[in-house]
Amino acid sequence: MNISTSKLRLGPLPKTETVKLTITLTVTLKADLERYAALHAQTYGEPIEVATLIPHMLEAFMARDRGFRKSFAKGAPASRPIPASNP
């Protein structure tokens, strides 16, 4: 596989406290997540499960969602500080 790995949004993953949540995915999305996990493992030299990637992907998505961030500026309660977005 000859794919440029310099464009991955997720870097090495930090250790975090977790809560279990069950979700349903389309077959296509599951396959894409598996390919992303394989590419992430190739890039960072450590195997990673799809289920481990999903929370980090969602966190990165929400951190970059301007509408979501603006809702906190309008007084919506935040469960924790919104991380600064990475370009």
N, C-alpha and C. Protein backbone atom coordinates (compact mmCIF):
# COMPACT_ATOMS: atom_id res chain seq x y z
N MET A 1 0.85 -1.17 0.00
CA MET A 1 0.00 0.00 0.00
C MET A 1 0.90 1.23 0.00
N ASN A 2 0.75 2.10 -0.97
CA ASN A 2 1.58 3.29 -1.09
C ASN A 2 0.72 4.53 -0.84
N ILE A 3 0.46 4.83 0.41
CA ILE A 3 -0.38 5.95 0.79
C ILE A 3 0.45 6.90 1.64
N SER A 4 0.34 8.20 1.34
CA SER A 4 1.04 9.19 2.14
C SER A 4 0.42 9.24 3.53
N THR A 5 1.23 9.07 4.56
CA THR A 5 0.73 9.07 5.92
C THR A 5 0.93 10.41 6.62
N SER A 6 1.44 11.39 5.93
CA SER A 6 1.67 12.69 6.55
C SER A 6 0.39 13.48 6.73
N LYS A 7 -0.73 13.01 6.19
CA LYS A 7 -1.98 13.75 6.25
C LYS A 7 -2.98 13.22 7.27
N LEU A 8 -2.61 12.26 8.11
CA LEU A 8 -3.54 11.74 9.10
C LEU A 8 -3.83 12.81 10.14
N ARG A 9 -5.09 13.00 10.44
CA ARG A 9 -5.50 13.99 11.45
C ARG A 9 -5.17 13.52 12.86
N LEU A 10 -5.27 12.21 13.09
CA LEU A 10 -5.00 11.68 14.42
C LEU A 10 -3.55 11.30 14.54
N GLY A 11 -2.91 11.80 15.56
CA GLY A 11 -1.54 11.41 15.85
C GLY A 11 -1.55 10.22 16.80
N PRO A 12 -0.45 9.98 17.48
CA PRO A 12 -0.44 8.92 18.49
C PRO A 12 -1.53 9.20 19.53
N LEU A 13 -2.19 8.16 19.99
CA LEU A 13 -3.34 8.33 20.87
C LEU A 13 -2.94 8.35 22.34
N PRO A 14 -3.49 9.30 23.12
CA PRO A 14 -3.21 9.35 24.55
C PRO A 14 -4.03 8.29 25.29
N LYS A 15 -3.59 7.94 26.46
CA LYS A 15 -4.36 7.03 27.32
C LYS A 15 -5.44 7.87 28.00
N THR A 16 -6.67 7.38 28.00
CA THR A 16 -7.78 8.13 28.59
C THR A 16 -8.70 7.20 29.36
N GLU A 17 -9.50 7.78 30.25
CA GLU A 17 -10.54 7.04 30.96
C GLU A 17 -11.69 6.86 29.97
N THR A 18 -12.33 5.71 29.97
CA THR A 18 -13.36 5.45 28.98
C THR A 18 -14.69 5.03 29.61
N VAL A 19 -15.75 5.16 28.82
CA VAL A 19 -17.09 4.70 29.15
C VAL A 19 -17.57 3.92 27.95
N LYS A 20 -18.17 2.76 28.16
CA LYS A 20 -18.62 1.93 27.04
C LYS A 20 -19.93 2.46 26.46
N LEU A 21 -19.97 2.52 25.12
CA LEU A 21 -21.15 2.96 24.38
C LEU A 21 -21.26 2.08 23.15
N THR A 22 -22.45 1.59 22.86
CA THR A 22 -22.66 0.74 21.69
C THR A 22 -23.22 1.59 20.56
N ILE A 23 -22.64 1.45 19.36
CA ILE A 23 -23.12 2.18 18.19
C ILE A 23 -23.32 1.23 17.03
N THR A 24 -24.08 1.66 16.04
CA THR A 24 -24.30 0.89 14.82
C THR A 24 -23.69 1.66 13.67
N LEU A 25 -22.90 0.96 12.83
CA LEU A 25 -22.23 1.57 11.69
C LEU A 25 -22.71 0.94 10.40
N THR A 26 -22.57 1.67 9.30
CA THR A 26 -22.80 1.06 8.00
C THR A 26 -21.61 0.15 7.69
N VAL A 27 -21.82 -0.79 6.80
CA VAL A 27 -20.75 -1.69 6.40
C VAL A 27 -19.60 -0.90 5.78
N THR A 28 -19.92 0.10 4.99
CA THR A 28 -18.90 0.92 4.34
C THR A 28 -18.09 1.70 5.37
N LEU A 29 -18.76 2.29 6.34
CA LEU A 29 -18.03 3.04 7.36
C LEU A 29 -17.14 2.13 8.18
N LYS A 30 -17.61 0.95 8.52
CA LYS A 30 -16.78 0.00 9.27
C LYS A 30 -15.53 -0.36 8.48
N ALA A 31 -15.68 -0.61 7.18
CA ALA A 31 -14.52 -0.93 6.34
C ALA A 31 -13.55 0.24 6.28
N ASP A 32 -14.08 1.46 6.16
CA ASP A 32 -13.22 2.65 6.13
C ASP A 32 -12.47 2.81 7.45
N LEU A 33 -13.15 2.58 8.57
CA LEU A 33 -12.50 2.67 9.87
C LEU A 33 -11.40 1.62 10.02
N GLU A 34 -11.65 0.43 9.51
CA GLU A 34 -10.63 -0.62 9.56
C GLU A 34 -9.41 -0.24 8.72
N ARG A 35 -9.65 0.36 7.56
CA ARG A 35 -8.53 0.82 6.73
C ARG A 35 -7.77 1.95 7.43
N TYR A 36 -8.49 2.85 8.07
CA TYR A 36 -7.84 3.94 8.79
C TYR A 36 -7.00 3.38 9.93
N ALA A 37 -7.54 2.41 10.67
CA ALA A 37 -6.79 1.80 11.78
C ALA A 37 -5.51 1.14 11.26
N ALA A 38 -5.59 0.47 10.13
CA ALA A 38 -4.41 -0.18 9.55
C ALA A 38 -3.37 0.87 9.15
N LEU A 39 -3.82 1.96 8.56
CA LEU A 39 -2.91 3.03 8.16
C LEU A 39 -2.30 3.71 9.39
N HIS A 40 -3.11 3.91 10.43
CA HIS A 40 -2.62 4.50 11.67
C HIS A 40 -1.54 3.60 12.28
N ALA A 41 -1.79 2.29 12.30
CA ALA A 41 -0.81 1.35 12.85
C ALA A 41 0.47 1.37 12.03
N GLN A 42 0.34 1.45 10.72
CA GLN A 42 1.52 1.51 9.84
C GLN A 42 2.30 2.79 10.10
N THR A 43 1.60 3.88 10.29
CA THR A 43 2.24 5.18 10.50
C THR A 43 2.96 5.26 11.84
N TYR A 44 2.33 4.77 12.90
CA TYR A 44 2.87 4.95 14.25
C TYR A 44 3.47 3.68 14.83
N GLY A 45 3.46 2.58 14.07
CA GLY A 45 4.15 1.36 14.48
C GLY A 45 3.52 0.61 15.64
N GLU A 46 2.24 0.86 15.89
CA GLU A 46 1.55 0.18 16.98
C GLU A 46 0.15 -0.20 16.53
N PRO A 47 -0.20 -1.48 16.62
CA PRO A 47 -1.56 -1.89 16.21
C PRO A 47 -2.61 -1.17 17.05
N ILE A 48 -3.71 -0.83 16.42
CA ILE A 48 -4.78 -0.10 17.10
C ILE A 48 -6.13 -0.67 16.68
N GLU A 49 -7.02 -0.83 17.62
CA GLU A 49 -8.36 -1.32 17.33
C GLU A 49 -9.24 -0.15 16.86
N VAL A 50 -10.17 -0.46 15.98
CA VAL A 50 -11.11 0.55 15.48
C VAL A 50 -11.85 1.19 16.65
N ALA A 51 -12.29 0.39 17.61
CA ALA A 51 -13.03 0.91 18.75
C ALA A 51 -12.21 1.91 19.56
N THR A 52 -10.91 1.80 19.52
CA THR A 52 -10.03 2.75 20.22
C THR A 52 -9.93 4.06 19.45
N LEU A 53 -9.99 3.99 18.13
CA LEU A 53 -9.89 5.19 17.30
C LEU A 53 -11.14 6.07 17.36
N ILE A 54 -12.30 5.45 17.40
CA ILE A 54 -13.57 6.19 17.25
C ILE A 54 -13.71 7.34 18.24
N PRO A 55 -13.48 7.17 19.54
CA PRO A 55 -13.62 8.31 20.45
C PRO A 55 -12.69 9.47 20.12
N HIS A 56 -11.47 9.16 19.69
CA HIS A 56 -10.52 10.22 19.35
C HIS A 56 -10.95 10.94 18.08
N MET A 57 -11.52 10.20 17.13
CA MET A 57 -12.03 10.83 15.91
C MET A 57 -13.21 11.74 16.22
N LEU A 58 -14.12 11.28 17.06
CA LEU A 58 -15.27 12.10 17.43
C LEU A 58 -14.84 13.35 18.19
N GLU A 59 -13.88 13.20 19.09
CA GLU A 59 -13.39 14.35 19.84
C GLU A 59 -12.75 15.38 18.89
N ALA A 60 -11.96 14.91 17.94
CA ALA A 60 -11.33 15.82 16.97
C ALA A 60 -12.39 16.51 16.11
N PHE A 61 -13.39 15.77 15.70
CA PHE A 61 -14.48 16.34 14.89
C PHE A 61 -15.20 17.44 15.67
N MET A 62 -15.57 17.14 16.91
CA MET A 62 -16.31 18.11 17.71
C MET A 62 -15.47 19.34 18.03
N ALA A 63 -14.18 19.17 18.23
CA ALA A 63 -13.30 20.30 18.52
C ALA A 63 -13.20 21.25 17.34
N ARG A 64 -13.41 20.75 16.14
CA ARG A 64 -13.32 21.58 14.93
C ARG A 64 -14.67 22.08 14.44
N ASP A 65 -15.76 21.69 15.09
CA ASP A 65 -17.10 22.09 14.66
C ASP A 65 -17.40 23.48 15.22
N ARG A 66 -17.41 24.48 14.36
CA ARG A 66 -17.60 25.86 14.80
C ARG A 66 -18.95 26.07 15.46
N GLY A 67 -19.98 25.47 14.91
CA GLY A 67 -21.31 25.61 15.50
C GLY A 67 -21.37 25.05 16.91
N PHE A 68 -20.72 23.93 17.11
CA PHE A 68 -20.69 23.31 18.43
C PHE A 68 -19.91 24.19 19.40
N ARG A 69 -18.76 24.69 18.97
CA ARG A 69 -17.96 25.57 19.84
C ARG A 69 -18.72 26.85 20.16
N LYS A 70 -19.43 27.41 19.17
CA LYS A 70 -20.17 28.65 19.40
C LYS A 70 -21.28 28.45 20.42
N SER A 71 -21.84 27.25 20.49
CA SER A 71 -22.91 27.01 21.45
C SER A 71 -22.43 27.23 22.88
N PHE A 72 -21.14 27.01 23.13
CA PHE A 72 -20.60 27.24 24.47
C PHE A 72 -20.41 28.72 24.73
N ALA A 73 -20.15 29.49 23.71
CA ALA A 73 -20.01 30.93 23.86
C ALA A 73 -21.35 31.57 24.21
N LYS A 74 -22.45 30.90 23.85
CA LYS A 74 -23.80 31.42 24.11
C LYS A 74 -24.36 30.94 25.44
N GLY A 75 -23.52 30.32 26.26
CA GLY A 75 -23.96 29.95 27.60
C GLY A 75 -24.36 28.50 27.79
N ALA A 76 -24.25 27.67 26.77
CA ALA A 76 -24.57 26.26 26.95
C ALA A 76 -23.56 25.64 27.91
N PRO A 77 -24.01 24.80 28.81
CA PRO A 77 -23.07 24.20 29.77
C PRO A 77 -22.08 23.27 29.08
N ALA A 78 -20.85 23.33 29.50
CA ALA A 78 -19.81 22.46 28.96
C ALA A 78 -19.44 21.43 30.00
N SER A 79 -19.31 20.18 29.58
CA SER A 79 -18.91 19.14 30.53
C SER A 79 -17.42 19.21 30.80
N ARG A 80 -16.67 19.80 29.87
CA ARG A 80 -15.22 19.98 30.03
C ARG A 80 -14.77 21.02 29.02
N PRO A 81 -13.60 21.59 29.20
CA PRO A 81 -13.11 22.59 28.24
C PRO A 81 -12.99 21.99 26.84
N ILE A 82 -13.31 22.79 25.85
CA ILE A 82 -13.17 22.37 24.46
C ILE A 82 -11.69 22.50 24.09
N PRO A 83 -11.06 21.41 23.61
CA PRO A 83 -9.64 21.51 23.25
C PRO A 83 -9.42 22.43 22.06
N ALA A 84 -8.27 23.08 22.05
CA ALA A 84 -7.92 23.93 20.91
C ALA A 84 -7.81 23.07 19.68
N SER A 85 -8.31 23.56 18.55
CA SER A 85 -8.25 22.78 17.32
C SER A 85 -6.87 22.87 16.72
N ASN A 86 -6.45 21.77 16.10
CA ASN A 86 -5.18 21.73 15.38
C ASN A 86 -5.48 21.97 13.91
N PRO A 87 -4.67 22.78 13.23
CA PRO A 87 -4.94 23.04 11.82
C PRO A 87 -4.81 21.78 10.99
